[in-house]
C-alpha atoms as a PDB file:
ATOM      1  CA  UNK A   1      -0.147  -0.099   0.161  1.00  0.00           C
ATOM      2  CA  UNK A   2       1.418   3.247  -1.043  1.00  0.00           C
ATOM      3  CA  UNK A   3       2.593   5.756   2.003  1.00  0.00           C
ATOM      4  CA  UNK A   4       0.078   8.603   3.008  1.00  0.00           C
ATOM      5  CA  UNK A   5       2.024  11.345   3.620  1.00  0.00           C
ATOM      6  CA  UNK A   6       1.343  14.552   5.868  1.00  0.00           C
ATOM      7  CA  UNK A   7       2.058  16.715   2.756  1.00  0.00           C
ATOM      8  CA  UNK A   8      -0.393  14.634   0.507  1.00  0.00           C
ATOM      9  CA  UNK A   9      -3.285  15.047   3.018  1.00  0.00           C
ATOM     10  CA  UNK A  10      -2.397  18.610   3.366  1.00  0.00           C
ATOM     11  CA  UNK A  11      -2.645  19.112  -0.324  1.00  0.00           C
ATOM     12  CA  UNK A  12      -5.813  17.099  -0.896  1.00  0.00           C
ATOM     13  CA  UNK A  13      -7.352  18.988   1.901  1.00  0.00           C
ATOM     14  CA  UNK A  14      -6.533  22.369   0.427  1.00  0.00           C
ATOM     15  CA  UNK A  15      -7.726  21.495  -2.885  1.00  0.00           C
ATOM     16  CA  UNK A  16     -11.090  20.005  -1.616  1.00  0.00           C
ATOM     17  CA  UNK A  17     -11.757  21.628   1.798  1.00  0.00           C
ATOM     18  CA  UNK A  18     -12.875  18.450   3.071  1.00  0.00           C
ATOM     19  CA  UNK A  19     -11.654  17.240   6.691  1.00  0.00           C
ATOM     20  CA  UNK A  20      -8.243  15.806   7.451  1.00  0.00           C
ATOM     21  CA  UNK A  21      -9.525  12.549   8.279  1.00  0.00           C
ATOM     22  CA  UNK A  22     -11.633  12.358   5.300  1.00  0.00           C
ATOM     23  CA  UNK A  23      -8.892  13.081   3.073  1.00  0.00           C
ATOM     24  CA  UNK A  24      -6.545  10.608   4.805  1.00  0.00           C
ATOM     25  CA  UNK A  25      -9.171   7.863   4.332  1.00  0.00           C
ATOM     26  CA  UNK A  26      -9.801   8.764   0.967  1.00  0.00           C
ATOM     27  CA  UNK A  27      -5.957   8.746  -0.232  1.00  0.00           C
ATOM     28  CA  UNK A  28      -5.895   5.140   1.338  1.00  0.00           C
ATOM     29  CA  UNK A  29      -8.892   4.202  -0.512  1.00  0.00           C
ATOM     30  CA  UNK A  30      -7.277   5.353  -3.750  1.00  0.00           C
ATOM     31  CA  UNK A  31      -3.767   4.156  -3.081  1.00  0.00           C
ATOM     32  CA  UNK A  32      -2.319   7.458  -2.908  1.00  0.00           C
ATOM     33  CA  UNK A  33      -3.633   8.530  -6.127  1.00  0.00           C
ATOM     34  CA  UNK A  34      -4.870  12.139  -5.626  1.00  0.00           C
ATOM     35  CA  UNK A  35      -7.363  12.303  -8.402  1.00  0.00           C
ATOM     36  CA  UNK A  36      -9.110   9.009  -7.333  1.00  0.00           C
ATOM     37  CA  UNK A  37      -9.252  10.444  -3.784  1.00  0.00           C
ATOM     38  CA  UNK A  38     -10.775  13.849  -5.434  1.00  0.00           C
ATOM     39  CA  UNK A  39     -13.578  11.572  -6.827  1.00  0.00           C
ATOM     40  CA  UNK A  40     -13.827   9.571  -3.906  1.00  0.00           C
ATOM     41  CA  UNK A  41     -14.496  12.707  -1.831  1.00  0.00           C
ATOM     42  CA  UNK A  42     -17.234  14.173  -4.208  1.00  0.00           C
ATOM     43  CA  UNK A  43     -19.138  11.018  -4.898  1.00  0.00           C
ATOM     44  CA  UNK A  44     -19.845  11.440  -0.837  1.00  0.00           C
ATOM     45  CA  UNK A  45     -20.508  15.051  -0.768  1.00  0.00           C
ATOM     46  CA  UNK A  46     -17.465  15.620   1.507  1.00  0.00           C
ATOM     47  CA  UNK A  47     -15.562  17.919  -0.850  1.00  0.00           C
ATOM     48  CA  UNK A  48     -16.668  21.491  -0.722  1.00  0.00           C
ATOM     49  CA  UNK A  49     -14.846  24.526  -1.283  1.00  0.00           C
ATOM     50  CA  UNK A  50     -13.723  26.716   1.517  1.00  0.00           C
ATOM     51  CA  UNK A  51     -15.380  30.029   2.083  1.00  0.00           C
ATOM     52  CA  UNK A  52     -12.828  32.741   3.139  1.00  0.00           C
ATOM     53  CA  UNK A  53     -14.098  36.205   3.909  1.00  0.00           C
ATOM     54  CA  UNK A  54     -12.788  38.669   1.228  1.00  0.00           C
ATOM     55  CA  UNK A  55     -11.071  35.800  -0.635  1.00  0.00           C
ATOM     56  CA  UNK A  56     -10.269  36.637  -4.227  1.00  0.00           C
ATOM     57  CA  UNK A  57     -11.566  34.769  -6.888  1.00  0.00           C
ATOM     58  CA  UNK A  58      -8.190  34.441  -8.894  1.00  0.00           C
ATOM     59  CA  UNK A  59      -8.735  31.299 -10.310  1.00  0.00           C
ATOM     60  CA  UNK A  60     -10.627  30.059 -13.288  1.00  0.00           C
ATOM     61  CA  UNK A  61     -10.538  29.578 -17.094  1.00  0.00           C
ATOM     62  CA  UNK A  62     -11.046  31.216 -20.339  1.00  0.00           C
ATOM     63  CA  UNK A  63     -13.390  29.658 -22.354  1.00  0.00           C
ATOM     64  CA  UNK A  64     -14.205  29.666 -26.000  1.00  0.00           C
ATOM     65  CA  UNK A  65     -17.275  29.154 -28.457  1.00  0.00           C
ATOM     66  CA  UNK A  66     -17.136  29.453 -32.295  1.00  0.00           C
ATOM     67  CA  UNK A  67     -20.430  29.459 -34.289  1.00  0.00           C
ATOM     68  CA  UNK A  68     -21.891  29.591 -37.514  1.00  0.00           C
ATOM     69  CA  UNK A  69     -19.016  27.848 -39.266  1.00  0.00           C
ATOM     70  CA  UNK A  70     -16.077  30.257 -37.742  1.00  0.00           C
ATOM     71  CA  UNK A  71     -18.196  33.393 -38.436  1.00  0.00           C
ATOM     72  CA  UNK A  72     -18.887  34.317 -34.903  1.00  0.00           C
ATOM     73  CA  UNK A  73     -16.443  33.292 -32.037  1.00  0.00           C
ATOM     74  CA  UNK A  74     -16.197  34.413 -28.428  1.00  0.00           C
ATOM     75  CA  UNK A  75     -13.582  34.286 -25.757  1.00  0.00           C
ATOM     76  CA  UNK A  76     -14.787  34.689 -21.733  1.00  0.00           C
ATOM     77  CA  UNK A  77     -12.819  34.676 -18.634  1.00  0.00           C
ATOM     78  CA  UNK A  78     -14.864  33.299 -15.711  1.00  0.00           C
ATOM     79  CA  UNK A  79     -13.118  33.287 -12.410  1.00  0.00           C
ATOM     80  CA  UNK A  80     -13.635  31.108  -8.955  1.00  0.00           C
ATOM     81  CA  UNK A  81     -11.396  30.850  -5.683  1.00  0.00           C
ATOM     82  CA  UNK A  82      -9.624  27.456  -6.325  1.00  0.00           C
ATOM     83  CA  UNK A  83      -8.479  25.395  -9.006  1.00  0.00           C
ATOM     84  CA  UNK A  84     -10.279  22.504  -7.899  1.00  0.00           C
ATOM     85  CA  UNK A  85     -13.543  24.118  -8.841  1.00  0.00           C
ATOM     86  CA  UNK A  86     -12.111  25.676 -11.996  1.00  0.00           C
ATOM     87  CA  UNK A  87     -11.185  21.813 -13.404  1.00  0.00           C
ATOM     88  CA  UNK A  88     -14.936  20.500 -12.219  1.00  0.00           C
ATOM     89  CA  UNK A  89     -17.166  19.717 -15.046  1.00  0.00           C
ATOM     90  CA  UNK A  90     -19.758  22.097 -13.763  1.00  0.00           C
ATOM     91  CA  UNK A  91     -17.873  25.059 -13.839  1.00  0.00           C
ATOM     92  CA  UNK A  92     -16.291  24.250 -17.223  1.00  0.00           C
ATOM     93  CA  UNK A  93     -19.708  23.730 -18.748  1.00  0.00           C
ATOM     94  CA  UNK A  94     -20.895  27.408 -17.268  1.00  0.00           C
ATOM     95  CA  UNK A  95     -17.946  29.002 -18.844  1.00  0.00           C
ATOM     96  CA  UNK A  96     -19.194  27.181 -22.235  1.00  0.00           C
ATOM     97  CA  UNK A  97     -22.678  28.129 -21.733  1.00  0.00           C
ATOM     98  CA  UNK A  98     -21.697  31.808 -20.806  1.00  0.00           C
ATOM     99  CA  UNK A  99     -19.601  31.974 -24.021  1.00  0.00           C
ATOM    100  CA  UNK A 100     -22.606  30.678 -26.260  1.00  0.00           C
ATOM    101  CA  UNK A 101     -24.543  33.003 -24.784  1.00  0.00           C
ATOM    102  CA  UNK A 102     -22.413  36.239 -25.857  1.00  0.00           C
ATOM    103  CA  UNK A 103     -22.438  34.667 -29.023  1.00  0.00           C
ATOM    104  CA  UNK A 104     -26.091  34.814 -29.395  1.00  0.00           C
ATOM    105  CA  UNK A 105     -27.201  37.584 -27.170  1.00  0.00           C
ATOM    106  CA  UNK A 106     -24.417  40.028 -28.229  1.00  0.00           C
ATOM    107  CA  UNK A 107     -24.016  42.062 -24.877  1.00  0.00           C
ATOM    108  CA  UNK A 108     -21.894  45.077 -24.503  1.00  0.00           C
ATOM    109  CA  UNK A 109     -20.948  45.104 -21.149  1.00  0.00           C
ATOM    110  CA  UNK A 110     -20.358  42.546 -18.429  1.00  0.00           C
ATOM    111  CA  UNK A 111     -22.050  44.789 -15.473  1.00  0.00           C
ATOM    112  CA  UNK A 112     -23.926  47.988 -15.200  1.00  0.00           C
ATOM    113  CA  UNK A 113     -21.053  49.324 -13.501  1.00  0.00           C
ATOM    114  CA  UNK A 114     -19.164  48.935 -16.740  1.00  0.00           C
ATOM    115  CA  UNK A 115     -21.474  51.007 -18.754  1.00  0.00           C
ATOM    116  CA  UNK A 116     -19.809  54.303 -19.288  1.00  0.00           C
ATOM    117  CA  UNK A 117     -21.734  57.627 -17.911  1.00  0.00           C
ATOM    118  CA  UNK A 118     -22.006  59.318 -21.638  1.00  0.00           C
ATOM    119  CA  UNK A 119     -23.417  56.207 -22.860  1.00  0.00           C
ATOM    120  CA  UNK A 120     -25.952  55.880 -19.923  1.00  0.00           C
ATOM    121  CA  UNK A 121     -26.954  59.553 -20.479  1.00  0.00           C
ATOM    122  CA  UNK A 122     -27.611  59.188 -24.061  1.00  0.00           C
ATOM    123  CA  UNK A 123     -29.793  56.374 -23.336  1.00  0.00           C
ATOM    124  CA  UNK A 124     -31.254  58.405 -20.686  1.00  0.00           C
ATOM    125  CA  UNK A 125     -32.106  61.284 -22.976  1.00  0.00           C
ATOM    126  CA  UNK A 126     -33.306  59.217 -25.786  1.00  0.00           C
ATOM    127  CA  UNK A 127     -35.575  57.661 -23.369  1.00  0.00           C
ATOM    128  CA  UNK A 128     -36.920  60.688 -21.964  1.00  0.00           C
ATOM    129  CA  UNK A 129     -37.387  62.078 -25.653  1.00  0.00           C
ATOM    130  CA  UNK A 130     -39.420  59.151 -26.490  1.00  0.00           C
ATOM    131  CA  UNK A 131     -41.537  59.459 -23.404  1.00  0.00           C
ATOM    132  CA  UNK A 132     -42.271  63.073 -24.032  1.00  0.00           C
ATOM    133  CA  UNK A 133     -42.954  62.506 -27.453  1.00  0.00           C
ATOM    134  CA  UNK A 134     -45.509  59.933 -26.888  1.00  0.00           C
ATOM    135  CA  UNK A 135     -49.027  61.053 -26.912  1.00  0.00           C
ATOM    136  CA  UNK A 136     -50.061  58.798 -24.116  1.00  0.00           C
ATOM    137  CA  UNK A 137     -47.837  60.507 -21.965  1.00  0.00           C
ATOM    138  CA  UNK A 138     -49.338  64.268 -22.490  1.00  0.00           C
ATOM    139  CA  UNK A 139     -49.722  66.286 -19.451  1.00  0.00           C
ATOM    140  CA  UNK A 140     -47.985  63.638 -17.209  1.00  0.00           C
ATOM    141  CA  UNK A 141     -46.296  65.139 -14.313  1.00  0.00           C
ATOM    142  CA  UNK A 142     -42.284  64.858 -14.236  1.00  0.00           C
ATOM    143  CA  UNK A 143     -41.983  62.271 -11.865  1.00  0.00           C
ATOM    144  CA  UNK A 144     -44.383  59.670 -14.033  1.00  0.00           C
ATOM    145  CA  UNK A 145     -42.174  60.456 -17.179  1.00  0.00           C
ATOM    146  CA  UNK A 146     -38.684  59.589 -14.959  1.00  0.00           C
ATOM    147  CA  UNK A 147     -40.448  56.266 -13.834  1.00  0.00           C
ATOM    148  CA  UNK A 148     -41.032  55.885 -17.958  1.00  0.00           C
ATOM    149  CA  UNK A 149     -37.638  56.368 -18.615  1.00  0.00           C
ATOM    150  CA  UNK A 150     -35.788  54.116 -15.658  1.00  0.00           C
ATOM    151  CA  UNK A 151     -38.375  51.560 -17.046  1.00  0.00           C
ATOM    152  CA  UNK A 152     -36.778  52.203 -20.482  1.00  0.00           C
ATOM    153  CA  UNK A 153     -33.350  52.085 -19.114  1.00  0.00           C
ATOM    154  CA  UNK A 154     -33.738  48.724 -17.561  1.00  0.00           C
ATOM    155  CA  UNK A 155     -34.556  47.360 -20.465  1.00  0.00           C
ATOM    156  CA  UNK A 156     -31.247  48.893 -22.036  1.00  0.00           C
ATOM    157  CA  UNK A 157     -29.686  46.893 -19.312  1.00  0.00           C
ATOM    158  CA  UNK A 158     -31.442  43.503 -20.158  1.00  0.00           C
ATOM    159  CA  UNK A 159     -30.465  44.026 -23.944  1.00  0.00           C
ATOM    160  CA  UNK A 160     -26.656  45.472 -23.242  1.00  0.00           C
ATOM    161  CA  UNK A 161     -25.541  44.126 -19.815  1.00  0.00           C
ATOM    162  CA  UNK A 162     -24.467  40.457 -19.938  1.00  0.00           C
ATOM    163  CA  UNK A 163     -25.577  39.688 -16.007  1.00  0.00           C
ATOM    164  CA  UNK A 164     -28.785  41.343 -16.808  1.00  0.00           C
ATOM    165  CA  UNK A 165     -29.760  39.452 -20.055  1.00  0.00           C
ATOM    166  CA  UNK A 166     -32.088  36.512 -20.108  1.00  0.00           C
ATOM    167  CA  UNK A 167     -29.984  33.273 -20.160  1.00  0.00           C
ATOM    168  CA  UNK A 168     -30.550  31.707 -23.794  1.00  0.00           C
ATOM    169  CA  UNK A 169     -30.711  28.149 -22.556  1.00  0.00           C
ATOM    170  CA  UNK A 170     -33.398  29.076 -19.763  1.00  0.00           C
ATOM    171  CA  UNK A 171     -34.851  32.710 -20.167  1.00  0.00           C
ATOM    172  CA  UNK A 172     -36.732  32.441 -16.991  1.00  0.00           C
ATOM    173  CA  UNK A 173     -33.433  33.367 -15.337  1.00  0.00           C
ATOM    174  CA  UNK A 174     -30.839  35.981 -16.192  1.00  0.00           C
ATOM    175  CA  UNK A 175     -26.849  35.179 -16.771  1.00  0.00           C
ATOM    176  CA  UNK A 176     -26.556  36.867 -13.295  1.00  0.00           C
ATOM    177  CA  UNK A 177     -28.801  34.548 -11.520  1.00  0.00           C
ATOM    178  CA  UNK A 178     -27.274  31.327 -13.508  1.00  0.00           C
ATOM    179  CA  UNK A 179     -23.999  32.544 -11.704  1.00  0.00           C
ATOM    180  CA  UNK A 180     -25.489  33.127  -8.287  1.00  0.00           C
ATOM    181  CA  UNK A 181     -26.805  29.637  -8.515  1.00  0.00           C
ATOM    182  CA  UNK A 182     -23.519  27.827  -9.246  1.00  0.00           C
ATOM    183  CA  UNK A 183     -21.998  30.289  -6.753  1.00  0.00           C
ATOM    184  CA  UNK A 184     -24.261  28.508  -4.075  1.00  0.00           C
ATOM    185  CA  UNK A 185     -23.721  25.046  -5.507  1.00  0.00           C
ATOM    186  CA  UNK A 186     -19.938  25.037  -5.308  1.00  0.00           C
ATOM    187  CA  UNK A 187     -19.630  27.410  -2.099  1.00  0.00           C
ATOM    188  CA  UNK A 188     -17.065  29.856  -3.962  1.00  0.00           C
ATOM    189  CA  UNK A 189     -17.189  33.025  -5.308  1.00  0.00           C
ATOM    190  CA  UNK A 190     -17.848  32.526  -9.181  1.00  0.00           C
ATOM    191  CA  UNK A 191     -17.617  35.853 -11.478  1.00  0.00           C
ATOM    192  CA  UNK A 192     -17.639  36.678 -15.119  1.00  0.00           C
ATOM    193  CA  UNK A 193     -14.390  39.031 -15.480  1.00  0.00           C
ATOM    194  CA  UNK A 194     -14.441  39.710 -19.117  1.00  0.00           C
ATOM    195  CA  UNK A 195     -15.473  38.646 -22.640  1.00  0.00           C
ATOM    196  CA  UNK A 196     -14.567  39.372 -26.143  1.00  0.00           C
ATOM    197  CA  UNK A 197     -16.853  38.875 -29.151  1.00  0.00           C
ATOM    198  CA  UNK A 198     -15.543  38.569 -32.974  1.00  0.00           C
ATOM    199  CA  UNK A 199     -17.704  38.699 -36.129  1.00  0.00           C
ATOM    200  CA  UNK A 200     -16.222  37.942 -39.222  1.00  0.00           C
ATOM    201  CA  UNK A 201     -15.982  41.342 -41.105  1.00  0.00           C
ATOM    202  CA  UNK A 202     -17.335  43.374 -38.374  1.00  0.00           C
ATOM    203  CA  UNK A 203     -16.178  46.896 -38.694  1.00  0.00           C
ATOM    204  CA  UNK A 204     -14.865  46.373 -42.360  1.00  0.00           C
ATOM    205  CA  UNK A 205     -16.074  48.272 -45.445  1.00  0.00           C
ATOM    206  CA  UNK A 206     -17.796  45.511 -47.657  1.00  0.00           C
ATOM    207  CA  UNK A 207     -17.163  45.526 -51.457  1.00  0.00           C
ATOM    208  CA  UNK A 208     -20.227  46.967 -53.383  1.00  0.00           C
ATOM    209  CA  UNK A 209     -21.869  44.704 -56.067  1.00  0.00           C
ATOM    210  CA  UNK A 210     -19.886  46.968 -58.643  1.00  0.00           C
ATOM    211  CA  UNK A 211     -16.832  45.417 -57.709  1.00  0.00           C
ATOM    212  CA  UNK A 212     -16.441  43.597 -60.886  1.00  0.00           C
ATOM    213  CA  UNK A 213     -17.060  46.649 -62.901  1.00  0.00           C
ATOM    214  CA  UNK A 214     -14.426  48.577 -61.178  1.00  0.00           C
ATOM    215  CA  UNK A 215     -11.968  45.788 -62.093  1.00  0.00           C
ATOM    216  CA  UNK A 216     -13.178  45.651 -65.854  1.00  0.00           C
ATOM    217  CA  UNK A 217     -12.294  49.554 -65.574  1.00  0.00           C
ATOM    218  CA  UNK A 218      -9.014  48.882 -64.833  1.00  0.00           C
ATOM    219  CA  UNK A 219      -8.340  46.367 -67.545  1.00  0.00           C
ATOM    220  CA  UNK A 220      -9.303  48.734 -70.404  1.00  0.00           C
END
Protein backbone atom coordinates (compact mmCIF):
# COMPACT_ATOMS: atom_id res chain seq x y z
CA UNK A 1 0.00 0.00 0.00
CA UNK A 2 1.29 3.43 -0.92
CA UNK A 3 2.52 5.57 1.95
CA UNK A 4 0.16 8.47 2.71
CA UNK A 5 2.22 11.44 3.77
CA UNK A 6 1.05 14.41 5.81
CA UNK A 7 1.97 16.66 2.90
CA UNK A 8 -0.31 14.67 0.56
CA UNK A 9 -3.19 14.91 3.02
CA UNK A 10 -2.64 18.65 3.45
CA UNK A 11 -2.55 19.21 -0.30
CA UNK A 12 -5.78 17.26 -0.83
CA UNK A 13 -7.47 19.21 1.96
CA UNK A 14 -6.43 22.51 0.39
CA UNK A 15 -7.89 21.45 -2.94
CA UNK A 16 -11.18 20.07 -1.66
CA UNK A 17 -11.90 21.70 1.70
CA UNK A 18 -12.72 18.28 3.19
CA UNK A 19 -11.58 17.32 6.70
CA UNK A 20 -8.13 15.94 7.40
CA UNK A 21 -9.37 12.44 8.31
CA UNK A 22 -11.69 12.31 5.29
CA UNK A 23 -8.76 13.26 3.05
CA UNK A 24 -6.48 10.65 4.62
CA UNK A 25 -9.10 7.91 4.32
CA UNK A 26 -9.81 8.85 0.70
CA UNK A 27 -6.11 8.70 -0.16
CA UNK A 28 -5.79 5.32 1.53
CA UNK A 29 -8.77 4.00 -0.41
CA UNK A 30 -7.37 5.47 -3.65
CA UNK A 31 -3.95 3.93 -3.07
CA UNK A 32 -2.35 7.38 -2.88
CA UNK A 33 -3.79 8.60 -6.20
CA UNK A 34 -4.89 12.20 -5.58
CA UNK A 35 -7.32 12.42 -8.52
CA UNK A 36 -9.08 9.21 -7.45
CA UNK A 37 -9.19 10.52 -3.88
CA UNK A 38 -10.87 13.73 -5.11
CA UNK A 39 -13.48 11.65 -6.95
CA UNK A 40 -14.12 9.62 -3.82
CA UNK A 41 -14.65 12.74 -1.74
CA UNK A 42 -16.95 14.25 -4.33
CA UNK A 43 -19.02 11.07 -4.55
CA UNK A 44 -19.46 11.15 -0.78
CA UNK A 45 -20.37 14.82 -0.78
CA UNK A 46 -17.38 15.66 1.40
CA UNK A 47 -15.54 17.85 -1.08
CA UNK A 48 -16.57 21.45 -0.70
CA UNK A 49 -14.82 24.69 -1.44
CA UNK A 50 -13.65 26.63 1.61
CA UNK A 51 -15.33 29.98 1.94
CA UNK A 52 -13.03 32.69 3.21
CA UNK A 53 -14.18 36.18 3.90
CA UNK A 54 -12.75 38.58 1.35
CA UNK A 55 -11.01 35.87 -0.64
CA UNK A 56 -10.20 36.92 -4.20
CA UNK A 57 -11.57 34.84 -7.08
CA UNK A 58 -8.31 34.67 -9.02
CA UNK A 59 -8.53 31.13 -10.38
CA UNK A 60 -10.71 30.01 -13.27
CA UNK A 61 -10.42 29.48 -17.00
CA UNK A 62 -10.76 31.24 -20.32
CA UNK A 63 -13.34 29.45 -22.43
CA UNK A 64 -14.30 29.83 -26.07
CA UNK A 65 -17.21 29.25 -28.40
CA UNK A 66 -17.19 29.27 -32.21
CA UNK A 67 -20.47 29.47 -34.10
CA UNK A 68 -21.81 29.57 -37.66
CA UNK A 69 -18.86 27.93 -39.34
CA UNK A 70 -16.35 30.31 -37.81
CA UNK A 71 -18.34 33.48 -38.49
CA UNK A 72 -18.73 34.32 -34.77
CA UNK A 73 -16.26 33.59 -31.97
CA UNK A 74 -16.25 34.37 -28.26
CA UNK A 75 -13.67 34.30 -25.47
CA UNK A 76 -14.86 34.47 -21.85
CA UNK A 77 -12.84 34.64 -18.62
CA UNK A 78 -14.73 33.14 -15.68
CA UNK A 79 -13.13 33.32 -12.24
CA UNK A 80 -13.52 31.23 -9.10
CA UNK A 81 -11.54 30.80 -5.89
CA UNK A 82 -9.75 27.47 -6.39
CA UNK A 83 -8.29 25.42 -9.19
CA UNK A 84 -10.29 22.48 -7.84
CA UNK A 85 -13.58 24.13 -8.81
CA UNK A 86 -12.13 25.52 -12.06
CA UNK A 87 -11.29 21.99 -13.22
CA UNK A 88 -14.75 20.66 -12.39
CA UNK A 89 -17.14 19.66 -15.15
CA UNK A 90 -19.88 21.97 -13.88
CA UNK A 91 -17.65 25.06 -13.92
CA UNK A 92 -16.31 24.19 -17.36
CA UNK A 93 -19.85 23.76 -18.67
CA UNK A 94 -20.80 27.12 -17.17
CA UNK A 95 -17.99 28.80 -19.11
CA UNK A 96 -19.16 27.17 -22.34
CA UNK A 97 -22.75 28.19 -21.70
CA UNK A 98 -21.81 31.80 -21.03
CA UNK A 99 -19.59 31.95 -24.12
CA UNK A 100 -22.43 30.53 -26.23
CA UNK A 101 -24.81 33.07 -24.70
CA UNK A 102 -22.46 35.94 -25.59
CA UNK A 103 -22.31 34.70 -29.18
CA UNK A 104 -26.10 34.66 -29.42
CA UNK A 105 -27.12 37.69 -27.34
CA UNK A 106 -24.33 40.16 -28.22
CA UNK A 107 -23.95 41.93 -24.85
CA UNK A 108 -21.78 45.04 -24.72
CA UNK A 109 -20.84 45.07 -21.03
CA UNK A 110 -20.45 42.51 -18.23
CA UNK A 111 -22.16 44.54 -15.48
CA UNK A 112 -24.03 47.82 -15.16
CA UNK A 113 -20.98 49.38 -13.54
CA UNK A 114 -19.10 48.98 -16.83
CA UNK A 115 -21.55 51.12 -18.79
CA UNK A 116 -19.77 54.46 -19.44
CA UNK A 117 -21.51 57.52 -18.05
CA UNK A 118 -21.79 59.14 -21.48
CA UNK A 119 -23.46 56.03 -22.92
CA UNK A 120 -25.92 55.85 -20.03
CA UNK A 121 -26.76 59.55 -20.27
CA UNK A 122 -27.32 59.26 -24.02
CA UNK A 123 -29.71 56.34 -23.48
CA UNK A 124 -31.45 58.30 -20.73
CA UNK A 125 -31.90 61.33 -23.03
CA UNK A 126 -33.29 59.14 -25.82
CA UNK A 127 -35.67 57.40 -23.43
CA UNK A 128 -36.88 60.73 -22.05
CA UNK A 129 -37.43 62.16 -25.55
CA UNK A 130 -39.38 59.05 -26.58
CA UNK A 131 -41.54 59.25 -23.46
CA UNK A 132 -42.28 62.94 -23.89
CA UNK A 133 -43.07 62.56 -27.60
CA UNK A 134 -45.54 59.76 -26.95
CA UNK A 135 -49.10 61.20 -27.10
CA UNK A 136 -50.15 58.79 -24.36
CA UNK A 137 -47.87 60.62 -21.94
CA UNK A 138 -49.19 64.09 -22.67
CA UNK A 139 -49.73 66.17 -19.53
CA UNK A 140 -48.22 63.49 -17.29
CA UNK A 141 -46.17 64.85 -14.37
CA UNK A 142 -42.38 64.76 -14.45
CA UNK A 143 -42.13 61.99 -11.87
CA UNK A 144 -44.23 59.71 -14.06
CA UNK A 145 -42.04 60.49 -17.07
CA UNK A 146 -38.95 59.67 -15.02
CA UNK A 147 -40.42 56.30 -14.03
CA UNK A 148 -41.01 55.56 -17.70
CA UNK A 149 -37.41 56.58 -18.43
CA UNK A 150 -36.08 54.25 -15.70
CA UNK A 151 -38.16 51.42 -17.10
CA UNK A 152 -36.67 51.95 -20.54
CA UNK A 153 -33.17 52.09 -19.05
CA UNK A 154 -33.82 48.72 -17.43
CA UNK A 155 -34.74 47.45 -20.88
CA UNK A 156 -31.43 48.81 -22.15
CA UNK A 157 -29.61 46.91 -19.39
CA UNK A 158 -31.46 43.70 -20.29
CA UNK A 159 -30.35 44.08 -23.89
CA UNK A 160 -26.76 45.27 -23.34
CA UNK A 161 -25.46 44.03 -19.97
CA UNK A 162 -24.46 40.37 -19.81
CA UNK A 163 -25.53 39.61 -16.23
CA UNK A 164 -28.93 41.28 -16.82
CA UNK A 165 -29.72 39.39 -20.02
CA UNK A 166 -32.13 36.43 -19.95
CA UNK A 167 -30.03 33.29 -20.31
CA UNK A 168 -30.52 31.91 -23.83
CA UNK A 169 -30.87 28.30 -22.64
CA UNK A 170 -33.35 29.23 -19.91
CA UNK A 171 -34.90 32.71 -20.36
CA UNK A 172 -36.68 32.37 -17.00
CA UNK A 173 -33.39 33.34 -15.34
CA UNK A 174 -30.74 35.94 -16.09
CA UNK A 175 -27.08 35.16 -16.64
CA UNK A 176 -26.40 36.80 -13.28
CA UNK A 177 -28.89 34.48 -11.57
CA UNK A 178 -27.27 31.51 -13.28
CA UNK A 179 -23.88 32.52 -11.88
CA UNK A 180 -25.41 33.02 -8.43
CA UNK A 181 -26.85 29.51 -8.54
CA UNK A 182 -23.45 28.05 -9.37
CA UNK A 183 -21.84 30.14 -6.63
CA UNK A 184 -24.25 28.66 -4.08
CA UNK A 185 -23.70 25.15 -5.41
CA UNK A 186 -19.90 25.25 -5.39
CA UNK A 187 -19.58 27.33 -2.22
CA UNK A 188 -17.12 29.60 -4.01
CA UNK A 189 -17.38 33.07 -5.42
CA UNK A 190 -17.77 32.86 -9.20
CA UNK A 191 -17.51 35.98 -11.33
CA UNK A 192 -17.49 36.80 -15.03
CA UNK A 193 -14.46 39.01 -15.47
CA UNK A 194 -14.53 39.85 -19.17
CA UNK A 195 -15.46 38.66 -22.62
CA UNK A 196 -14.61 39.42 -26.24
CA UNK A 197 -16.95 38.73 -29.13
CA UNK A 198 -15.64 38.55 -32.69
CA UNK A 199 -17.79 38.62 -35.81
CA UNK A 200 -16.20 37.99 -39.17
CA UNK A 201 -15.91 41.19 -41.19
CA UNK A 202 -17.36 43.39 -38.44
CA UNK A 203 -16.23 47.00 -38.91
CA UNK A 204 -14.83 46.42 -42.38
CA UNK A 205 -16.15 48.12 -45.49
CA UNK A 206 -17.77 45.54 -47.73
CA UNK A 207 -17.08 45.48 -51.42
CA UNK A 208 -19.97 46.87 -53.43
CA UNK A 209 -21.91 45.05 -56.11
CA UNK A 210 -20.06 47.06 -58.74
CA UNK A 211 -16.67 45.60 -57.77
CA UNK A 212 -16.46 43.58 -61.00
CA UNK A 213 -17.12 46.74 -63.02
CA UNK A 214 -14.32 48.52 -61.15
CA UNK A 215 -11.93 45.70 -62.03
CA UNK A 216 -13.03 45.77 -65.65
CA UNK A 217 -12.43 49.53 -65.88
CA UNK A 218 -8.87 49.03 -64.67
CA UNK A 219 -8.21 46.56 -67.47
CA UNK A 220 -9.32 48.86 -70.29
